Amino acid sequence: MSHPHQPTCGIVRDLLDPVMYETIPPLQALKRLEADLPAR
């Protein structure tokens, strides 16, 4: 493993265009789930 601290799967949110949350169904579902989480 050349870079053990880098993610190997998942979403790199910093690289996503905000419009992608509105156009990709799995990201839409993620956004809805996050809205239901209690505030930290």
PDB file of N, CA and C in Angstrom:
ATOM      1  N   MET A   1       0.856  -1.165   0.000  1.00  0.00           N
ATOM      2  CA  MET A   1       0.000   0.000   0.000  1.00  0.00           C
ATOM      3  C   MET A   1       0.906   1.232   0.000  1.00  0.00           C
ATOM      4  N   SER A   2       0.838   2.010  -1.049  1.00  0.00           N
ATOM      5  CA  SER A   2       1.756   3.136  -1.164  1.00  0.00           C
ATOM      6  C   SER A   2       1.333   4.352  -0.352  1.00  0.00           C
ATOM      7  N   HIS A   3       0.030   4.568  -0.188  1.00  0.00           N
ATOM      8  CA  HIS A   3      -0.471   5.721   0.568  1.00  0.00           C
ATOM      9  C   HIS A   3      -1.543   5.241   1.546  1.00  0.00           C
ATOM     10  N   PRO A   4      -1.151   4.730   2.708  1.00  0.00           N
ATOM     11  CA  PRO A   4      -2.120   4.104   3.611  1.00  0.00           C
ATOM     12  C   PRO A   4      -3.165   5.056   4.184  1.00  0.00           C
ATOM     13  N   HIS A   5      -2.935   6.367   4.142  1.00  0.00           N
ATOM     14  CA  HIS A   5      -3.886   7.304   4.732  1.00  0.00           C
ATOM     15  C   HIS A   5      -4.862   7.883   3.719  1.00  0.00           C
ATOM     16  N   GLN A   6      -4.704   7.548   2.448  1.00  0.00           N
ATOM     17  CA  GLN A   6      -5.629   8.039   1.439  1.00  0.00           C
ATOM     18  C   GLN A   6      -6.809   7.083   1.328  1.00  0.00           C
ATOM     19  N   PRO A   7      -8.010   7.628   1.115  1.00  0.00           N
ATOM     20  CA  PRO A   7      -9.174   6.752   0.983  1.00  0.00           C
ATOM     21  C   PRO A   7      -9.072   5.897  -0.276  1.00  0.00           C
ATOM     22  N   THR A   8      -9.570   4.678  -0.176  1.00  0.00           N
ATOM     23  CA  THR A   8      -9.552   3.781  -1.327  1.00  0.00           C
ATOM     24  C   THR A   8     -10.933   3.629  -1.939  1.00  0.00           C
ATOM     25  N   CYS A   9     -11.951   4.128  -1.253  1.00  0.00           N
ATOM     26  CA  CYS A   9     -13.303   4.089  -1.792  1.00  0.00           C
ATOM     27  C   CYS A   9     -14.115   5.183  -1.112  1.00  0.00           C
ATOM     28  N   GLY A  10     -15.279   5.429  -1.622  1.00  0.00           N
ATOM     29  CA  GLY A  10     -16.133   6.449  -1.031  1.00  0.00           C
ATOM     30  C   GLY A  10     -16.184   7.707  -1.876  1.00  0.00           C
ATOM     31  N   ILE A  11     -16.649   8.777  -1.273  1.00  0.00           N
ATOM     32  CA  ILE A  11     -16.848  10.040  -1.971  1.00  0.00           C
ATOM     33  C   ILE A  11     -15.835  11.057  -1.456  1.00  0.00           C
ATOM     34  N   VAL A  12     -15.130  11.678  -2.364  1.00  0.00           N
ATOM     35  CA  VAL A  12     -14.240  12.773  -1.997  1.00  0.00           C
ATOM     36  C   VAL A  12     -15.060  14.046  -2.167  1.00  0.00           C
ATOM     37  N   ARG A  13     -15.686  14.463  -1.097  1.00  0.00           N
ATOM     38  CA  ARG A  13     -16.654  15.560  -1.172  1.00  0.00           C
ATOM     39  C   ARG A  13     -16.039  16.877  -1.612  1.00  0.00           C
ATOM     40  N   ASP A  14     -14.796  17.104  -1.282  1.00  0.00           N
ATOM     41  CA  ASP A  14     -14.162  18.365  -1.659  1.00  0.00           C
ATOM     42  C   ASP A  14     -14.041  18.515  -3.174  1.00  0.00           C
ATOM     43  N   LEU A  15     -14.074  17.401  -3.887  1.00  0.00           N
ATOM     44  CA  LEU A  15     -13.918  17.455  -5.337  1.00  0.00           C
ATOM     45  C   LEU A  15     -15.246  17.476  -6.080  1.00  0.00           C
ATOM     46  N   LEU A  16     -16.352  17.314  -5.367  1.00  0.00           N
ATOM     47  CA  LEU A  16     -17.654  17.278  -6.024  1.00  0.00           C
ATOM     48  C   LEU A  16     -18.148  18.679  -6.348  1.00  0.00           C
ATOM     49  N   ASP A  17     -18.734  18.810  -7.516  1.00  0.00           N
ATOM     50  CA  ASP A  17     -19.424  20.040  -7.883  1.00  0.00           C
ATOM     51  C   ASP A  17     -20.750  20.038  -7.116  1.00  0.00           C
ATOM     52  N   PRO A  18     -21.136  21.127  -6.467  1.00  0.00           N
ATOM     53  CA  PRO A  18     -22.392  21.144  -5.706  1.00  0.00           C
ATOM     54  C   PRO A  18     -23.611  20.730  -6.530  1.00  0.00           C
ATOM     55  N   VAL A  19     -23.580  20.963  -7.829  1.00  0.00           N
ATOM     56  CA  VAL A  19     -24.697  20.571  -8.694  1.00  0.00           C
ATOM     57  C   VAL A  19     -24.853  19.052  -8.719  1.00  0.00           C
ATOM     58  N   MET A  20     -23.769  18.327  -8.494  1.00  0.00           N
ATOM     59  CA  MET A  20     -23.832  16.866  -8.527  1.00  0.00           C
ATOM     60  C   MET A  20     -24.781  16.328  -7.458  1.00  0.00           C
ATOM     61  N   TYR A  21     -24.874  17.017  -6.314  1.00  0.00           N
ATOM     62  CA  TYR A  21     -25.795  16.583  -5.267  1.00  0.00           C
ATOM     63  C   TYR A  21     -27.244  16.666  -5.734  1.00  0.00           C
ATOM     64  N   GLU A  22     -27.525  17.522  -6.689  1.00  0.00           N
ATOM     65  CA  GLU A  22     -28.889  17.692  -7.183  1.00  0.00           C
ATOM     66  C   GLU A  22     -29.204  16.766  -8.351  1.00  0.00           C
ATOM     67  N   THR A  23     -28.190  16.229  -9.025  1.00  0.00           N
ATOM     68  CA  THR A  23     -28.427  15.481 -10.255  1.00  0.00           C
ATOM     69  C   THR A  23     -28.166  13.983 -10.158  1.00  0.00           C
ATOM     70  N   ILE A  24     -27.462  13.528  -9.145  1.00  0.00           N
ATOM     71  CA  ILE A  24     -27.116  12.105  -9.019  1.00  0.00           C
ATOM     72  C   ILE A  24     -27.947  11.506  -7.887  1.00  0.00           C
ATOM     73  N   PRO A  25     -28.844  10.559  -8.205  1.00  0.00           N
ATOM     74  CA  PRO A  25     -29.761  10.022  -7.192  1.00  0.00           C
ATOM     75  C   PRO A  25     -29.106   9.541  -5.892  1.00  0.00           C
ATOM     76  N   PRO A  26     -28.004   8.778  -5.910  1.00  0.00           N
ATOM     77  CA  PRO A  26     -27.417   8.368  -4.627  1.00  0.00           C
ATOM     78  C   PRO A  26     -26.940   9.557  -3.790  1.00  0.00           C
ATOM     79  N   LEU A  27     -26.464  10.611  -4.444  1.00  0.00           N
ATOM     80  CA  LEU A  27     -26.036  11.794  -3.704  1.00  0.00           C
ATOM     81  C   LEU A  27     -27.236  12.565  -3.165  1.00  0.00           C
ATOM     82  N   GLN A  28     -28.349  12.540  -3.902  1.00  0.00           N
ATOM     83  CA  GLN A  28     -29.580  13.161  -3.408  1.00  0.00           C
ATOM     84  C   GLN A  28     -30.029  12.458  -2.134  1.00  0.00           C
ATOM     85  N   ALA A  29     -29.977  11.131  -2.147  1.00  0.00           N
ATOM     86  CA  ALA A  29     -30.375  10.354  -0.967  1.00  0.00           C
ATOM     87  C   ALA A  29     -29.440  10.648   0.204  1.00  0.00           C
ATOM     88  N   LEU A  30     -28.158  10.756  -0.055  1.00  0.00           N
ATOM     89  CA  LEU A  30     -27.191  11.071   0.997  1.00  0.00           C
ATOM     90  C   LEU A  30     -27.479  12.441   1.605  1.00  0.00           C
ATOM     91  N   LYS A  31     -27.785  13.398   0.760  1.00  0.00           N
ATOM     92  CA  LYS A  31     -28.083  14.748   1.241  1.00  0.00           C
ATOM     93  C   LYS A  31     -29.323  14.734   2.135  1.00  0.00           C
ATOM     94  N   ARG A  32     -30.352  13.963   1.742  1.00  0.00           N
ATOM     95  CA  ARG A  32     -31.566  13.862   2.567  1.00  0.00           C
ATOM     96  C   ARG A  32     -31.259  13.197   3.903  1.00  0.00           C
ATOM     97  N   LEU A  33     -30.450  12.147   3.901  1.00  0.00           N
ATOM     98  CA  LEU A  33     -30.088  11.468   5.147  1.00  0.00           C
ATOM     99  C   LEU A  33     -29.318  12.400   6.074  1.00  0.00           C
ATOM    100  N   GLU A  34     -28.395  13.151   5.510  1.00  0.00           N
ATOM    101  CA  GLU A  34     -27.605  14.072   6.327  1.00  0.00           C
ATOM    102  C   GLU A  34     -28.475  15.165   6.934  1.00  0.00           C
ATOM    103  N   ALA A  35     -29.511  15.581   6.223  1.00  0.00           N
ATOM    104  CA  ALA A  35     -30.408  16.617   6.743  1.00  0.00           C
ATOM    105  C   ALA A  35     -31.162  16.111   7.970  1.00  0.00           C
ATOM    106  N   ASP A  36     -31.373  14.797   8.058  1.00  0.00           N
ATOM    107  CA  ASP A  36     -32.106  14.209   9.182  1.00  0.00           C
ATOM    108  C   ASP A  36     -31.220  13.927  10.397  1.00  0.00           C
ATOM    109  N   LEU A  37     -29.906  14.034  10.245  1.00  0.00           N
ATOM    110  CA  LEU A  37     -29.003  13.771  11.368  1.00  0.00           C
ATOM    111  C   LEU A  37     -29.079  14.899  12.388  1.00  0.00           C
ATOM    112  N   PRO A  38     -28.918  14.567  13.667  1.00  0.00           N
ATOM    113  CA  PRO A  38     -28.883  15.639  14.674  1.00  0.00           C
ATOM    114  C   PRO A  38     -27.647  16.516  14.475  1.00  0.00           C
ATOM    115  N   ALA A  39     -27.774  17.773  14.815  1.00  0.00           N
ATOM    116  CA  ALA A  39     -26.651  18.708  14.671  1.00  0.00           C
ATOM    117  C   ALA A  39     -25.524  18.307  15.618  1.00  0.00           C
ATOM    118  N   ARG A  40     -24.315  18.504  15.170  1.00  0.00           N
ATOM    119  CA  ARG A  40     -23.151  18.161  16.005  1.00  0.00           C
ATOM    120  C   ARG A  40     -22.746  19.318  16.844  1.00  0.00           C
TER     121      ARG A  40
END
